[in-house]
Amino acid sequence: MAIKKENAELRDKIVAGIKKATEKLIEATAAKNDYLVICVNGEIKKVPAKELLKK
C-alpha cells in the first residue's frame, strides 16, 4: 500500500516539527542545568540535558 504524496508531505512536516520542538526542549533544559527523563532500549534514564546536546 503506497502512501499518497500529500500524506507523505504532511508526515514529513510533522516529523520536522517534532524534531524542532525536541531540540528547543533540550536547549531550554540545558540552559537551566536541568535533567530530562528519556527511555533508552526500554530503560528509563535521567540524563543531564547538556549531555544530550553533545549528540
N, C-alpha and C. Protein backbone atom coordinates (compact mmCIF):
# COMPACT_ATOMS: atom_id res chain seq x y z
N MET A 1 0.84 -1.17 0.00
CA MET A 1 0.00 0.00 0.00
C MET A 1 0.89 1.24 0.00
N ALA A 2 0.76 2.06 -1.01
CA ALA A 2 1.59 3.25 -1.16
C ALA A 2 0.99 4.42 -0.40
N ILE A 3 1.87 5.25 0.13
CA ILE A 3 1.43 6.45 0.83
C ILE A 3 1.21 7.54 -0.21
N LYS A 4 0.06 8.20 -0.13
CA LYS A 4 -0.21 9.29 -1.06
C LYS A 4 0.80 10.41 -0.85
N LYS A 5 1.08 11.12 -1.93
CA LYS A 5 2.08 12.19 -1.87
C LYS A 5 1.73 13.23 -0.82
N GLU A 6 0.43 13.61 -0.73
CA GLU A 6 0.03 14.62 0.26
C GLU A 6 0.26 14.11 1.68
N ASN A 7 -0.03 12.83 1.90
CA ASN A 7 0.17 12.26 3.23
C ASN A 7 1.65 12.19 3.59
N ALA A 8 2.48 11.87 2.61
CA ALA A 8 3.91 11.80 2.85
C ALA A 8 4.46 13.18 3.18
N GLU A 9 4.00 14.20 2.48
CA GLU A 9 4.46 15.56 2.75
C GLU A 9 4.02 16.01 4.14
N LEU A 10 2.79 15.71 4.49
CA LEU A 10 2.28 16.06 5.82
C LEU A 10 3.08 15.35 6.91
N ARG A 11 3.35 14.06 6.69
CA ARG A 11 4.14 13.29 7.65
C ARG A 11 5.52 13.91 7.84
N ASP A 12 6.14 14.31 6.73
CA ASP A 12 7.48 14.91 6.79
C ASP A 12 7.46 16.23 7.58
N LYS A 13 6.41 17.02 7.39
CA LYS A 13 6.28 18.28 8.13
C LYS A 13 6.08 18.03 9.61
N ILE A 14 5.29 17.03 9.94
CA ILE A 14 5.03 16.70 11.35
C ILE A 14 6.31 16.24 12.02
N VAL A 15 7.05 15.35 11.35
CA VAL A 15 8.30 14.83 11.91
C VAL A 15 9.31 15.97 12.10
N ALA A 16 9.40 16.88 11.13
CA ALA A 16 10.31 18.01 11.25
C ALA A 16 9.92 18.90 12.43
N GLY A 17 8.62 19.10 12.63
CA GLY A 17 8.15 19.91 13.75
C GLY A 17 8.47 19.27 15.09
N ILE A 18 8.31 17.96 15.17
CA ILE A 18 8.63 17.24 16.41
C ILE A 18 10.11 17.34 16.71
N LYS A 19 10.95 17.19 15.70
CA LYS A 19 12.40 17.30 15.90
C LYS A 19 12.78 18.70 16.40
N LYS A 20 12.18 19.72 15.78
CA LYS A 20 12.48 21.10 16.17
C LYS A 20 12.04 21.36 17.61
N ALA A 21 10.86 20.88 17.98
CA ALA A 21 10.36 21.07 19.35
C ALA A 21 11.25 20.34 20.36
N THR A 22 11.71 19.15 20.00
CA THR A 22 12.58 18.38 20.88
C THR A 22 13.91 19.10 21.09
N GLU A 23 14.47 19.64 20.01
CA GLU A 23 15.72 20.39 20.12
C GLU A 23 15.56 21.62 21.02
N LYS A 24 14.44 22.34 20.87
CA LYS A 24 14.19 23.51 21.71
C LYS A 24 14.05 23.11 23.18
N LEU A 25 13.39 21.99 23.44
CA LEU A 25 13.23 21.49 24.81
C LEU A 25 14.58 21.17 25.42
N ILE A 26 15.42 20.48 24.68
CA ILE A 26 16.75 20.11 25.18
C ILE A 26 17.57 21.36 25.45
N GLU A 27 17.55 22.32 24.53
CA GLU A 27 18.33 23.56 24.70
C GLU A 27 17.85 24.35 25.91
N ALA A 28 16.54 24.47 26.08
CA ALA A 28 15.99 25.23 27.21
C ALA A 28 16.31 24.55 28.53
N THR A 29 16.24 23.24 28.55
CA THR A 29 16.53 22.49 29.78
C THR A 29 18.02 22.56 30.10
N ALA A 30 18.87 22.49 29.09
CA ALA A 30 20.31 22.58 29.30
C ALA A 30 20.69 23.95 29.83
N ALA A 31 20.00 24.99 29.38
CA ALA A 31 20.29 26.34 29.86
C ALA A 31 20.01 26.48 31.35
N LYS A 32 19.12 25.65 31.88
CA LYS A 32 18.79 25.67 33.30
C LYS A 32 19.61 24.65 34.10
N ASN A 33 20.56 23.97 33.43
CA ASN A 33 21.35 22.91 34.07
C ASN A 33 20.45 21.85 34.70
N ASP A 34 19.42 21.45 33.95
CA ASP A 34 18.45 20.51 34.47
C ASP A 34 18.57 19.17 33.73
N TYR A 35 17.73 18.23 34.11
CA TYR A 35 17.75 16.89 33.56
C TYR A 35 16.49 16.62 32.73
N LEU A 36 16.60 15.65 31.82
CA LEU A 36 15.45 15.14 31.09
C LEU A 36 15.36 13.65 31.36
N VAL A 37 14.16 13.14 31.38
CA VAL A 37 13.94 11.70 31.56
C VAL A 37 13.66 11.12 30.19
N ILE A 38 14.49 10.12 29.79
CA ILE A 38 14.34 9.51 28.48
C ILE A 38 14.29 8.00 28.62
N CYS A 39 13.84 7.35 27.57
CA CYS A 39 13.78 5.88 27.53
C CYS A 39 14.82 5.41 26.53
N VAL A 40 15.77 4.58 26.98
CA VAL A 40 16.81 4.04 26.13
C VAL A 40 16.71 2.52 26.19
N ASN A 41 16.36 1.92 25.07
CA ASN A 41 16.22 0.45 24.99
C ASN A 41 15.30 -0.08 26.09
N GLY A 42 14.20 0.62 26.32
CA GLY A 42 13.22 0.19 27.31
C GLY A 42 13.58 0.53 28.75
N GLU A 43 14.72 1.17 28.96
CA GLU A 43 15.16 1.54 30.31
C GLU A 43 15.00 3.05 30.49
N ILE A 44 14.35 3.44 31.58
CA ILE A 44 14.13 4.85 31.88
C ILE A 44 15.40 5.42 32.52
N LYS A 45 15.87 6.56 31.98
CA LYS A 45 17.08 7.18 32.50
C LYS A 45 16.87 8.67 32.70
N LYS A 46 17.49 9.20 33.74
CA LYS A 46 17.52 10.65 34.00
C LYS A 46 18.88 11.13 33.52
N VAL A 47 18.87 12.01 32.50
CA VAL A 47 20.10 12.41 31.83
C VAL A 47 20.22 13.94 31.87
N PRO A 48 21.41 14.45 32.16
CA PRO A 48 21.59 15.91 32.08
C PRO A 48 21.34 16.37 30.63
N ALA A 49 20.58 17.41 30.47
CA ALA A 49 20.24 17.89 29.12
C ALA A 49 21.50 18.29 28.34
N LYS A 50 22.50 18.79 29.03
CA LYS A 50 23.74 19.16 28.36
C LYS A 50 24.41 17.96 27.70
N GLU A 51 24.23 16.79 28.28
CA GLU A 51 24.79 15.58 27.69
C GLU A 51 24.09 15.25 26.36
N LEU A 52 22.79 15.54 26.30
CA LEU A 52 22.04 15.29 25.06
C LEU A 52 22.43 16.28 23.97
N LEU A 53 22.86 17.47 24.36
CA LEU A 53 23.29 18.46 23.36
C LEU A 53 24.56 18.01 22.65
N LYS A 54 25.36 17.23 23.31
CA LYS A 54 26.63 16.76 22.73
C LYS A 54 26.39 15.81 21.56
N LYS A 55 25.23 15.18 21.53
CA LYS A 55 24.96 14.17 20.50
C LYS A 55 24.42 14.76 19.24
